[in-house]
Protein backbone atom coordinates (compact mmCIF):
# COMPACT_ATOMS: atom_id res chain seq x y z
CA UNK A 1 0.00 0.00 0.00
CA UNK A 2 1.40 3.39 -0.96
CA UNK A 3 0.82 6.12 1.59
CA UNK A 4 2.56 8.96 -0.19
CA UNK A 5 4.57 9.76 2.95
CA UNK A 6 8.32 10.18 2.61
CA UNK A 7 10.49 7.39 3.96
CA UNK A 8 13.41 8.47 6.11
CA UNK A 9 15.81 5.68 6.99
CA UNK A 10 18.56 7.91 8.41
CA UNK A 11 18.25 7.51 12.19
CA UNK A 12 20.74 10.32 12.82
CA UNK A 13 18.43 12.91 11.25
CA UNK A 14 15.72 12.41 13.90
CA UNK A 15 15.49 14.66 16.95
CA UNK A 16 15.17 12.08 19.72
CA UNK A 17 13.56 13.07 23.03
CA UNK A 18 15.87 12.85 26.05
CA UNK A 19 13.76 10.02 27.49
CA UNK A 20 14.41 7.90 24.39
CA UNK A 21 18.13 8.69 24.56
CA UNK A 22 18.28 7.47 28.17
CA UNK A 23 16.44 4.28 27.28
CA UNK A 24 18.66 3.52 24.30
CA UNK A 25 21.82 4.41 26.25
CA UNK A 26 20.69 2.12 29.08
CA UNK A 27 20.55 -0.79 26.63
CA UNK A 28 23.93 0.11 25.11
CA UNK A 29 25.57 0.33 28.55
CA UNK A 30 24.19 -3.12 29.39
CA UNK A 31 25.65 -4.52 26.19
CA UNK A 32 29.05 -2.92 26.98
CA UNK A 33 29.03 -4.31 30.51
CA UNK A 34 28.69 -7.92 29.38
CA UNK A 35 32.19 -8.33 27.81
CA UNK A 36 33.73 -5.92 30.34
CA UNK A 37 32.60 -8.05 33.27
CA UNK A 38 33.90 -11.16 31.50
CA UNK A 39 37.30 -9.47 31.14
CA UNK A 40 37.32 -8.40 34.79
CA UNK A 41 36.40 -11.93 35.89
CA UNK A 42 39.29 -13.28 33.81
CA UNK A 43 41.68 -10.84 35.51
CA UNK A 44 40.30 -11.82 38.92
CA UNK A 45 40.83 -15.51 38.13
CA UNK A 46 44.35 -14.77 36.89
CA UNK A 47 45.20 -12.80 40.02
CA UNK A 48 43.90 -15.52 42.35
CA UNK A 49 45.58 -18.41 40.55
CA UNK A 50 49.11 -17.77 41.81
CA UNK A 51 51.55 -15.13 42.90
CA UNK A 52 52.89 -14.92 39.34
CA UNK A 53 49.34 -14.57 38.01
CA UNK A 54 48.76 -11.69 40.42
CA UNK A 55 51.84 -9.93 39.03
CA UNK A 56 50.60 -10.49 35.47
CA UNK A 57 47.18 -9.07 36.30
CA UNK A 58 48.78 -6.07 38.02
CA UNK A 59 50.96 -5.42 34.94
CA UNK A 60 47.95 -5.64 32.64
CA UNK A 61 45.94 -3.23 34.78
CA UNK A 62 48.86 -0.77 35.02
CA UNK A 63 48.74 0.06 31.31
CA UNK A 64 46.98 3.23 30.08
CA UNK A 65 44.67 1.19 27.84
CA UNK A 66 43.55 -0.93 30.80
CA UNK A 67 42.96 2.22 32.85
CA UNK A 68 40.76 3.58 30.06
CA UNK A 69 38.84 0.28 29.80
CA UNK A 70 38.41 0.25 33.57
CA UNK A 71 37.09 3.81 33.50
CA UNK A 72 34.76 2.99 30.61
CA UNK A 73 33.46 -0.03 32.52
CA UNK A 74 32.87 2.01 35.67
CA UNK A 75 31.16 4.80 33.70
CA UNK A 76 28.88 2.27 31.98
CA UNK A 77 28.13 0.60 35.31
CA UNK A 78 27.28 3.93 36.98
CA UNK A 79 25.03 4.97 34.08
CA UNK A 80 23.36 1.56 33.92
CA UNK A 81 22.69 1.59 37.68
CA UNK A 82 21.19 5.10 37.70
CA UNK A 83 19.10 4.55 34.56
CA UNK A 84 17.95 1.18 35.91
CA UNK A 85 16.77 2.84 39.13
CA UNK A 86 14.85 5.36 37.01
CA UNK A 87 13.20 2.53 35.08
CA UNK A 88 12.31 0.70 38.30
CA UNK A 89 10.75 3.85 39.76
CA UNK A 90 8.68 4.28 36.62
CA UNK A 91 7.61 0.63 36.84
CA UNK A 92 6.07 1.25 40.25
CA UNK A 93 4.32 4.40 39.03
CA UNK A 94 6.70 7.18 40.10
CA UNK A 95 7.58 9.74 37.43
CA UNK A 96 5.26 8.59 34.68
CA UNK A 97 4.16 12.05 33.57
CA UNK A 98 5.96 13.60 30.63
CA UNK A 99 7.46 16.40 32.71
CA UNK A 100 8.68 14.05 35.47
CA UNK A 101 10.07 11.54 32.96
CA UNK A 102 11.95 14.28 31.12
CA UNK A 103 13.35 15.70 34.36
CA UNK A 104 14.40 12.25 35.53
CA UNK A 105 16.11 11.55 32.20
CA UNK A 106 18.10 14.78 32.44
CA UNK A 107 18.99 13.90 36.05
CA UNK A 108 20.22 10.46 34.91
CA UNK A 109 22.59 12.04 32.40
CA UNK A 110 23.79 14.62 34.94
CA UNK A 111 24.36 12.10 37.74
CA UNK A 112 26.02 9.60 35.42
CA UNK A 113 28.29 12.33 34.02
CA UNK A 114 29.29 13.37 37.53
CA UNK A 115 29.87 9.72 38.45
CA UNK A 116 32.02 9.18 35.37
CA UNK A 117 34.12 12.23 36.22
CA UNK A 118 34.57 11.02 39.80
CA UNK A 119 35.49 7.53 38.56
CA UNK A 120 38.08 9.09 36.23
CA UNK A 121 39.57 11.09 39.07
CA UNK A 122 39.71 7.95 41.21
CA UNK A 123 41.44 5.88 38.50
CA UNK A 124 43.89 8.52 37.33
C-alpha atoms as a PDB file:
ATOM      1  CA  UNK A   1       0.000   0.000   0.000  1.00  0.00           C
ATOM      2  CA  UNK A   2       1.405   3.394  -0.958  1.00  0.00           C
ATOM      3  CA  UNK A   3       0.818   6.125   1.587  1.00  0.00           C
ATOM      4  CA  UNK A   4       2.565   8.965  -0.190  1.00  0.00           C
ATOM      5  CA  UNK A   5       4.565   9.764   2.946  1.00  0.00           C
ATOM      6  CA  UNK A   6       8.317  10.182   2.606  1.00  0.00           C
ATOM      7  CA  UNK A   7      10.494   7.392   3.957  1.00  0.00           C
ATOM      8  CA  UNK A   8      13.406   8.469   6.105  1.00  0.00           C
ATOM      9  CA  UNK A   9      15.812   5.679   6.987  1.00  0.00           C
ATOM     10  CA  UNK A  10      18.556   7.915   8.409  1.00  0.00           C
ATOM     11  CA  UNK A  11      18.248   7.507  12.190  1.00  0.00           C
ATOM     12  CA  UNK A  12      20.742  10.321  12.820  1.00  0.00           C
ATOM     13  CA  UNK A  13      18.429  12.906  11.254  1.00  0.00           C
ATOM     14  CA  UNK A  14      15.724  12.410  13.904  1.00  0.00           C
ATOM     15  CA  UNK A  15      15.485  14.661  16.946  1.00  0.00           C
ATOM     16  CA  UNK A  16      15.168  12.085  19.716  1.00  0.00           C
ATOM     17  CA  UNK A  17      13.564  13.072  23.035  1.00  0.00           C
ATOM     18  CA  UNK A  18      15.870  12.849  26.050  1.00  0.00           C
ATOM     19  CA  UNK A  19      13.765  10.016  27.492  1.00  0.00           C
ATOM     20  CA  UNK A  20      14.407   7.899  24.393  1.00  0.00           C
ATOM     21  CA  UNK A  21      18.131   8.685  24.559  1.00  0.00           C
ATOM     22  CA  UNK A  22      18.281   7.468  28.175  1.00  0.00           C
ATOM     23  CA  UNK A  23      16.436   4.278  27.279  1.00  0.00           C
ATOM     24  CA  UNK A  24      18.661   3.519  24.305  1.00  0.00           C
ATOM     25  CA  UNK A  25      21.818   4.413  26.254  1.00  0.00           C
ATOM     26  CA  UNK A  26      20.692   2.115  29.075  1.00  0.00           C
ATOM     27  CA  UNK A  27      20.554  -0.786  26.635  1.00  0.00           C
ATOM     28  CA  UNK A  28      23.927   0.108  25.115  1.00  0.00           C
ATOM     29  CA  UNK A  29      25.569   0.334  28.552  1.00  0.00           C
ATOM     30  CA  UNK A  30      24.189  -3.118  29.393  1.00  0.00           C
ATOM     31  CA  UNK A  31      25.654  -4.519  26.191  1.00  0.00           C
ATOM     32  CA  UNK A  32      29.046  -2.924  26.977  1.00  0.00           C
ATOM     33  CA  UNK A  33      29.027  -4.306  30.510  1.00  0.00           C
ATOM     34  CA  UNK A  34      28.694  -7.920  29.380  1.00  0.00           C
ATOM     35  CA  UNK A  35      32.190  -8.325  27.813  1.00  0.00           C
ATOM     36  CA  UNK A  36      33.731  -5.921  30.338  1.00  0.00           C
ATOM     37  CA  UNK A  37      32.603  -8.051  33.271  1.00  0.00           C
ATOM     38  CA  UNK A  38      33.898 -11.157  31.503  1.00  0.00           C
ATOM     39  CA  UNK A  39      37.301  -9.468  31.136  1.00  0.00           C
ATOM     40  CA  UNK A  40      37.318  -8.403  34.789  1.00  0.00           C
ATOM     41  CA  UNK A  41      36.402 -11.927  35.892  1.00  0.00           C
ATOM     42  CA  UNK A  42      39.289 -13.284  33.812  1.00  0.00           C
ATOM     43  CA  UNK A  43      41.678 -10.842  35.514  1.00  0.00           C
ATOM     44  CA  UNK A  44      40.301 -11.824  38.921  1.00  0.00           C
ATOM     45  CA  UNK A  45      40.827 -15.509  38.126  1.00  0.00           C
ATOM     46  CA  UNK A  46      44.350 -14.772  36.894  1.00  0.00           C
ATOM     47  CA  UNK A  47      45.203 -12.805  40.019  1.00  0.00           C
ATOM     48  CA  UNK A  48      43.896 -15.516  42.353  1.00  0.00           C
ATOM     49  CA  UNK A  49      45.582 -18.415  40.546  1.00  0.00           C
ATOM     50  CA  UNK A  50      49.109 -17.771  41.811  1.00  0.00           C
ATOM     51  CA  UNK A  51      51.552 -15.126  42.896  1.00  0.00           C
ATOM     52  CA  UNK A  52      52.888 -14.916  39.343  1.00  0.00           C
ATOM     53  CA  UNK A  53      49.337 -14.572  38.012  1.00  0.00           C
ATOM     54  CA  UNK A  54      48.760 -11.694  40.420  1.00  0.00           C
ATOM     55  CA  UNK A  55      51.837  -9.930  39.030  1.00  0.00           C
ATOM     56  CA  UNK A  56      50.605 -10.494  35.472  1.00  0.00           C
ATOM     57  CA  UNK A  57      47.175  -9.074  36.299  1.00  0.00           C
ATOM     58  CA  UNK A  58      48.775  -6.066  38.016  1.00  0.00           C
ATOM     59  CA  UNK A  59      50.958  -5.422  34.944  1.00  0.00           C
ATOM     60  CA  UNK A  60      47.949  -5.644  32.644  1.00  0.00           C
ATOM     61  CA  UNK A  61      45.941  -3.227  34.784  1.00  0.00           C
ATOM     62  CA  UNK A  62      48.855  -0.774  35.022  1.00  0.00           C
ATOM     63  CA  UNK A  63      48.742   0.056  31.310  1.00  0.00           C
ATOM     64  CA  UNK A  64      46.977   3.230  30.085  1.00  0.00           C
ATOM     65  CA  UNK A  65      44.675   1.191  27.844  1.00  0.00           C
ATOM     66  CA  UNK A  66      43.550  -0.926  30.804  1.00  0.00           C
ATOM     67  CA  UNK A  67      42.962   2.225  32.850  1.00  0.00           C
ATOM     68  CA  UNK A  68      40.759   3.577  30.060  1.00  0.00           C
ATOM     69  CA  UNK A  69      38.840   0.284  29.798  1.00  0.00           C
ATOM     70  CA  UNK A  70      38.406   0.246  33.574  1.00  0.00           C
ATOM     71  CA  UNK A  71      37.094   3.811  33.501  1.00  0.00           C
ATOM     72  CA  UNK A  72      34.760   2.990  30.607  1.00  0.00           C
ATOM     73  CA  UNK A  73      33.458  -0.030  32.519  1.00  0.00           C
ATOM     74  CA  UNK A  74      32.868   2.011  35.672  1.00  0.00           C
ATOM     75  CA  UNK A  75      31.162   4.796  33.699  1.00  0.00           C
ATOM     76  CA  UNK A  76      28.880   2.271  31.976  1.00  0.00           C
ATOM     77  CA  UNK A  77      28.125   0.602  35.308  1.00  0.00           C
ATOM     78  CA  UNK A  78      27.279   3.927  36.975  1.00  0.00           C
ATOM     79  CA  UNK A  79      25.031   4.971  34.084  1.00  0.00           C
ATOM     80  CA  UNK A  80      23.358   1.564  33.923  1.00  0.00           C
ATOM     81  CA  UNK A  81      22.686   1.593  37.675  1.00  0.00           C
ATOM     82  CA  UNK A  82      21.186   5.096  37.704  1.00  0.00           C
ATOM     83  CA  UNK A  83      19.101   4.545  34.564  1.00  0.00           C
ATOM     84  CA  UNK A  84      17.948   1.180  35.912  1.00  0.00           C
ATOM     85  CA  UNK A  85      16.771   2.840  39.128  1.00  0.00           C
ATOM     86  CA  UNK A  86      14.852   5.357  37.012  1.00  0.00           C
ATOM     87  CA  UNK A  87      13.195   2.532  35.081  1.00  0.00           C
ATOM     88  CA  UNK A  88      12.313   0.704  38.295  1.00  0.00           C
ATOM     89  CA  UNK A  89      10.750   3.847  39.757  1.00  0.00           C
ATOM     90  CA  UNK A  90       8.680   4.278  36.616  1.00  0.00           C
ATOM     91  CA  UNK A  91       7.609   0.628  36.836  1.00  0.00           C
ATOM     92  CA  UNK A  92       6.069   1.250  40.249  1.00  0.00           C
ATOM     93  CA  UNK A  93       4.318   4.404  39.033  1.00  0.00           C
ATOM     94  CA  UNK A  94       6.698   7.179  40.099  1.00  0.00           C
ATOM     95  CA  UNK A  95       7.581   9.738  37.434  1.00  0.00           C
ATOM     96  CA  UNK A  96       5.263   8.593  34.679  1.00  0.00           C
ATOM     97  CA  UNK A  97       4.156  12.046  33.570  1.00  0.00           C
ATOM     98  CA  UNK A  98       5.955  13.605  30.633  1.00  0.00           C
ATOM     99  CA  UNK A  99       7.464  16.400  32.714  1.00  0.00           C
ATOM    100  CA  UNK A 100       8.679  14.049  35.470  1.00  0.00           C
ATOM    101  CA  UNK A 101      10.075  11.536  32.960  1.00  0.00           C
ATOM    102  CA  UNK A 102      11.954  14.278  31.119  1.00  0.00           C
ATOM    103  CA  UNK A 103      13.353  15.703  34.359  1.00  0.00           C
ATOM    104  CA  UNK A 104      14.404  12.247  35.532  1.00  0.00           C
ATOM    105  CA  UNK A 105      16.109  11.551  32.199  1.00  0.00           C
ATOM    106  CA  UNK A 106      18.100  14.783  32.444  1.00  0.00           C
ATOM    107  CA  UNK A 107      18.989  13.898  36.048  1.00  0.00           C
ATOM    108  CA  UNK A 108      20.218  10.465  34.907  1.00  0.00           C
ATOM    109  CA  UNK A 109      22.593  12.037  32.401  1.00  0.00           C
ATOM    110  CA  UNK A 110      23.786  14.620  34.938  1.00  0.00           C
ATOM    111  CA  UNK A 111      24.363  12.098  37.739  1.00  0.00           C
ATOM    112  CA  UNK A 112      26.020   9.603  35.419  1.00  0.00           C
ATOM    113  CA  UNK A 113      28.286  12.329  34.020  1.00  0.00           C
ATOM    114  CA  UNK A 114      29.291  13.368  37.531  1.00  0.00           C
ATOM    115  CA  UNK A 115      29.869   9.718  38.452  1.00  0.00           C
ATOM    116  CA  UNK A 116      32.022   9.179  35.367  1.00  0.00           C
ATOM    117  CA  UNK A 117      34.117  12.227  36.223  1.00  0.00           C
ATOM    118  CA  UNK A 118      34.567  11.015  39.801  1.00  0.00           C
ATOM    119  CA  UNK A 119      35.493   7.530  38.556  1.00  0.00           C
ATOM    120  CA  UNK A 120      38.076   9.086  36.231  1.00  0.00           C
ATOM    121  CA  UNK A 121      39.572  11.093  39.075  1.00  0.00           C
ATOM    122  CA  UNK A 122      39.707   7.951  41.210  1.00  0.00           C
ATOM    123  CA  UNK A 123      41.437   5.883  38.501  1.00  0.00           C
ATOM    124  CA  UNK A 124      43.890   8.523  37.332  1.00  0.00           C
END
